[in-house]
């Protein structure tokens, strides 16, 4: 079971290559040889990096969708759109497809700063501007949010 932790500020070069943080490489040493899958986040203008074994678990969950339901198929298509298997090169860099960097609003001509954060079994990749706006600066009452999440978990556990 992975427990990816940390927040790392990185640079992306004009070709879309990112030096993958050494601390994440260390945390992933048992599975990094399988590669990573990068995909759009469905809730924000960021990217999700899944270790390949975790991506396989996500795909297993998706296999429960009905192929005879238009909504299920539309979700599946939109979710899978852009998903790409990537591997570290010999220098420890990841090549992120340009179309995915565009989704995350990373403009390679203007700003090459990224933030990669660990979220347990996966990682998020953000432009620094989006990370600041969507994660750090949001006017959300975090205590109230935590209470709602706790209630959701309790409802799930008692169901």
Protein backbone atom coordinates (compact mmCIF):
# COMPACT_ATOMS: atom_id res chain seq x y z
CA UNK A 1 0.00 0.00 0.00
CA UNK A 2 1.45 3.32 -1.07
CA UNK A 3 1.39 6.41 1.10
CA UNK A 4 2.90 9.12 -1.09
CA UNK A 5 3.66 12.24 0.91
CA UNK A 6 5.22 15.59 0.20
CA UNK A 7 4.93 18.79 -1.76
CA UNK A 8 7.66 19.55 -4.26
CA UNK A 9 8.21 22.55 -6.50
CA UNK A 10 9.61 21.60 -9.89
CA UNK A 11 10.35 23.11 -13.26
CA UNK A 12 9.17 21.86 -16.61
CA UNK A 13 11.38 22.41 -19.65
CA UNK A 14 10.10 23.64 -23.05
CA UNK A 15 9.65 20.03 -24.22
CA UNK A 16 7.39 19.15 -21.26
CA UNK A 17 10.00 17.26 -19.25
CA UNK A 18 9.84 17.45 -15.46
CA UNK A 19 12.59 16.33 -13.11
CA UNK A 20 10.65 13.91 -10.91
CA UNK A 21 11.40 14.60 -7.22
CA UNK A 22 13.95 12.18 -5.78
CA UNK A 23 11.88 11.74 -2.62
CA UNK A 24 8.95 10.46 -4.68
CA UNK A 25 11.29 8.14 -6.57
CA UNK A 26 12.40 6.76 -3.19
CA UNK A 27 8.79 6.32 -2.01
CA UNK A 28 7.95 4.53 -5.28
CA UNK A 29 11.07 2.37 -5.52
CA UNK A 30 9.06 -0.89 -5.32
CA UNK A 31 6.74 0.04 -8.22
CA UNK A 32 8.41 2.78 -10.30
CA UNK A 33 9.73 0.22 -12.79
CA UNK A 34 6.09 -0.33 -13.88
CA UNK A 35 5.84 3.33 -14.90
CA UNK A 36 3.29 6.01 -14.07
CA UNK A 37 0.03 6.97 -15.71
CA UNK A 38 -0.74 10.67 -16.03
CA UNK A 39 -4.27 11.87 -16.62
CA UNK A 40 -6.49 14.90 -16.24
CA UNK A 41 -8.09 15.44 -12.84
CA UNK A 42 -11.89 15.38 -13.17
CA UNK A 43 -12.43 18.02 -10.47
CA UNK A 44 -9.74 20.63 -11.14
CA UNK A 45 -7.29 22.02 -13.69
CA UNK A 46 -4.52 19.71 -12.55
CA UNK A 47 -3.09 16.32 -13.47
CA UNK A 48 -3.08 13.07 -11.53
CA UNK A 49 -0.03 10.81 -11.56
CA UNK A 50 -0.85 7.21 -10.71
CA UNK A 51 1.77 4.54 -10.14
CA UNK A 52 0.87 1.87 -12.74
CA UNK A 53 -0.32 -0.68 -10.13
CA UNK A 54 -2.72 1.94 -8.72
CA UNK A 55 -3.92 2.82 -12.22
CA UNK A 56 -4.68 -0.87 -12.72
CA UNK A 57 -6.91 -0.74 -9.61
CA UNK A 58 -8.69 2.33 -11.01
CA UNK A 59 -9.27 0.46 -14.27
CA UNK A 60 -10.66 -2.48 -12.33
CA UNK A 61 -13.20 -0.14 -10.71
CA UNK A 62 -14.11 1.25 -14.14
CA UNK A 63 -14.72 -2.26 -15.46
CA UNK A 64 -17.88 -2.24 -13.32
CA UNK A 65 -19.42 0.41 -15.57
CA UNK A 66 -22.12 -0.81 -17.92
CA UNK A 67 -21.16 -0.81 -21.57
CA UNK A 68 -24.90 -0.47 -22.33
CA UNK A 69 -25.38 2.77 -20.41
CA UNK A 70 -24.74 5.97 -22.36
CA UNK A 71 -23.86 7.84 -19.16
CA UNK A 72 -21.41 5.15 -18.05
CA UNK A 73 -19.74 5.10 -21.47
CA UNK A 74 -19.57 8.88 -21.65
CA UNK A 75 -17.94 9.02 -18.22
CA UNK A 76 -15.49 6.29 -19.21
CA UNK A 77 -14.51 8.10 -22.41
CA UNK A 78 -14.06 11.44 -20.66
CA UNK A 79 -12.13 9.89 -17.79
CA UNK A 80 -9.75 7.96 -20.05
CA UNK A 81 -9.23 10.86 -22.47
CA UNK A 82 -5.53 11.66 -22.43
CA UNK A 83 -4.44 8.97 -19.98
CA UNK A 84 -0.82 8.22 -20.86
CA UNK A 85 1.71 5.70 -19.58
CA UNK A 86 4.98 7.51 -18.89
CA UNK A 87 8.32 6.38 -17.56
CA UNK A 88 11.29 8.09 -16.03
CA UNK A 89 14.14 8.64 -18.46
CA UNK A 90 17.72 7.84 -17.49
CA UNK A 91 18.11 11.24 -15.82
CA UNK A 92 14.93 10.93 -13.72
CA UNK A 93 12.66 13.10 -15.87
CA UNK A 94 9.05 12.54 -16.88
CA UNK A 95 7.80 13.66 -20.29
CA UNK A 96 4.30 15.04 -19.77
CA UNK A 97 2.21 15.23 -22.96
CA UNK A 98 1.61 18.82 -24.07
CA UNK A 99 -2.18 18.38 -24.25
CA UNK A 100 -2.22 17.38 -20.58
CA UNK A 101 -0.01 20.31 -19.58
CA UNK A 102 -2.48 22.56 -21.38
CA UNK A 103 -5.32 21.07 -19.30
CA UNK A 104 -3.36 21.94 -16.15
CA UNK A 105 -2.84 25.45 -17.57
CA UNK A 106 0.91 25.09 -17.74
CA UNK A 107 2.10 27.50 -20.43
CA UNK A 108 5.60 26.35 -21.38
CA UNK A 109 6.36 29.74 -22.94
CA UNK A 110 5.50 31.83 -19.86
CA UNK A 111 5.85 29.84 -16.67
CA UNK A 112 7.73 26.65 -16.01
CA UNK A 113 6.91 26.24 -12.31
CA UNK A 114 4.94 23.19 -11.12
CA UNK A 115 3.92 21.72 -7.79
CA UNK A 116 3.72 17.94 -7.33
CA UNK A 117 1.97 16.74 -4.18
CA UNK A 118 1.50 13.28 -2.73
CA UNK A 119 -2.04 12.10 -2.00
CA UNK A 120 -1.57 8.64 -0.58
CA UNK A 121 -1.79 6.28 -3.55
CA UNK A 122 -1.47 8.99 -6.22
CA UNK A 123 0.10 12.39 -6.87
CA UNK A 124 -1.24 15.68 -8.21
CA UNK A 125 0.63 17.93 -10.61
CA UNK A 126 -0.38 21.61 -10.56
CA UNK A 127 0.69 24.83 -12.20
CA UNK A 128 1.85 27.04 -9.34
CA UNK A 129 -0.89 29.58 -10.13
CA UNK A 130 -3.67 26.96 -9.99
CA UNK A 131 -2.22 25.41 -6.83
CA UNK A 132 -2.15 28.81 -5.15
CA UNK A 133 -5.70 29.62 -6.26
CA UNK A 134 -7.40 26.23 -5.81
CA UNK A 135 -5.57 24.69 -2.86
CA UNK A 136 -3.85 27.38 -0.81
CA UNK A 137 -6.04 30.48 -1.17
CA UNK A 138 -9.56 29.10 -1.25
CA UNK A 139 -11.95 30.69 1.18
CA UNK A 140 -13.15 27.36 2.53
CA UNK A 141 -13.82 26.68 6.16
CA UNK A 142 -11.57 23.64 6.43
CA UNK A 143 -13.07 22.65 9.80
CA UNK A 144 -16.59 22.60 8.32
CA UNK A 145 -15.34 20.61 5.33
CA UNK A 146 -13.69 18.08 7.67
CA UNK A 147 -16.96 17.74 9.57
CA UNK A 148 -18.88 17.03 6.33
CA UNK A 149 -16.34 14.41 5.29
CA UNK A 150 -16.56 12.79 8.73
CA UNK A 151 -20.36 12.60 8.42
CA UNK A 152 -20.09 11.06 4.94
CA UNK A 153 -17.69 8.41 6.28
CA UNK A 154 -19.99 7.65 9.21
CA UNK A 155 -22.98 7.28 6.86
CA UNK A 156 -20.97 4.95 4.64
CA UNK A 157 -19.82 2.85 7.60
CA UNK A 158 -23.33 2.49 9.03
CA UNK A 159 -24.95 1.64 5.70
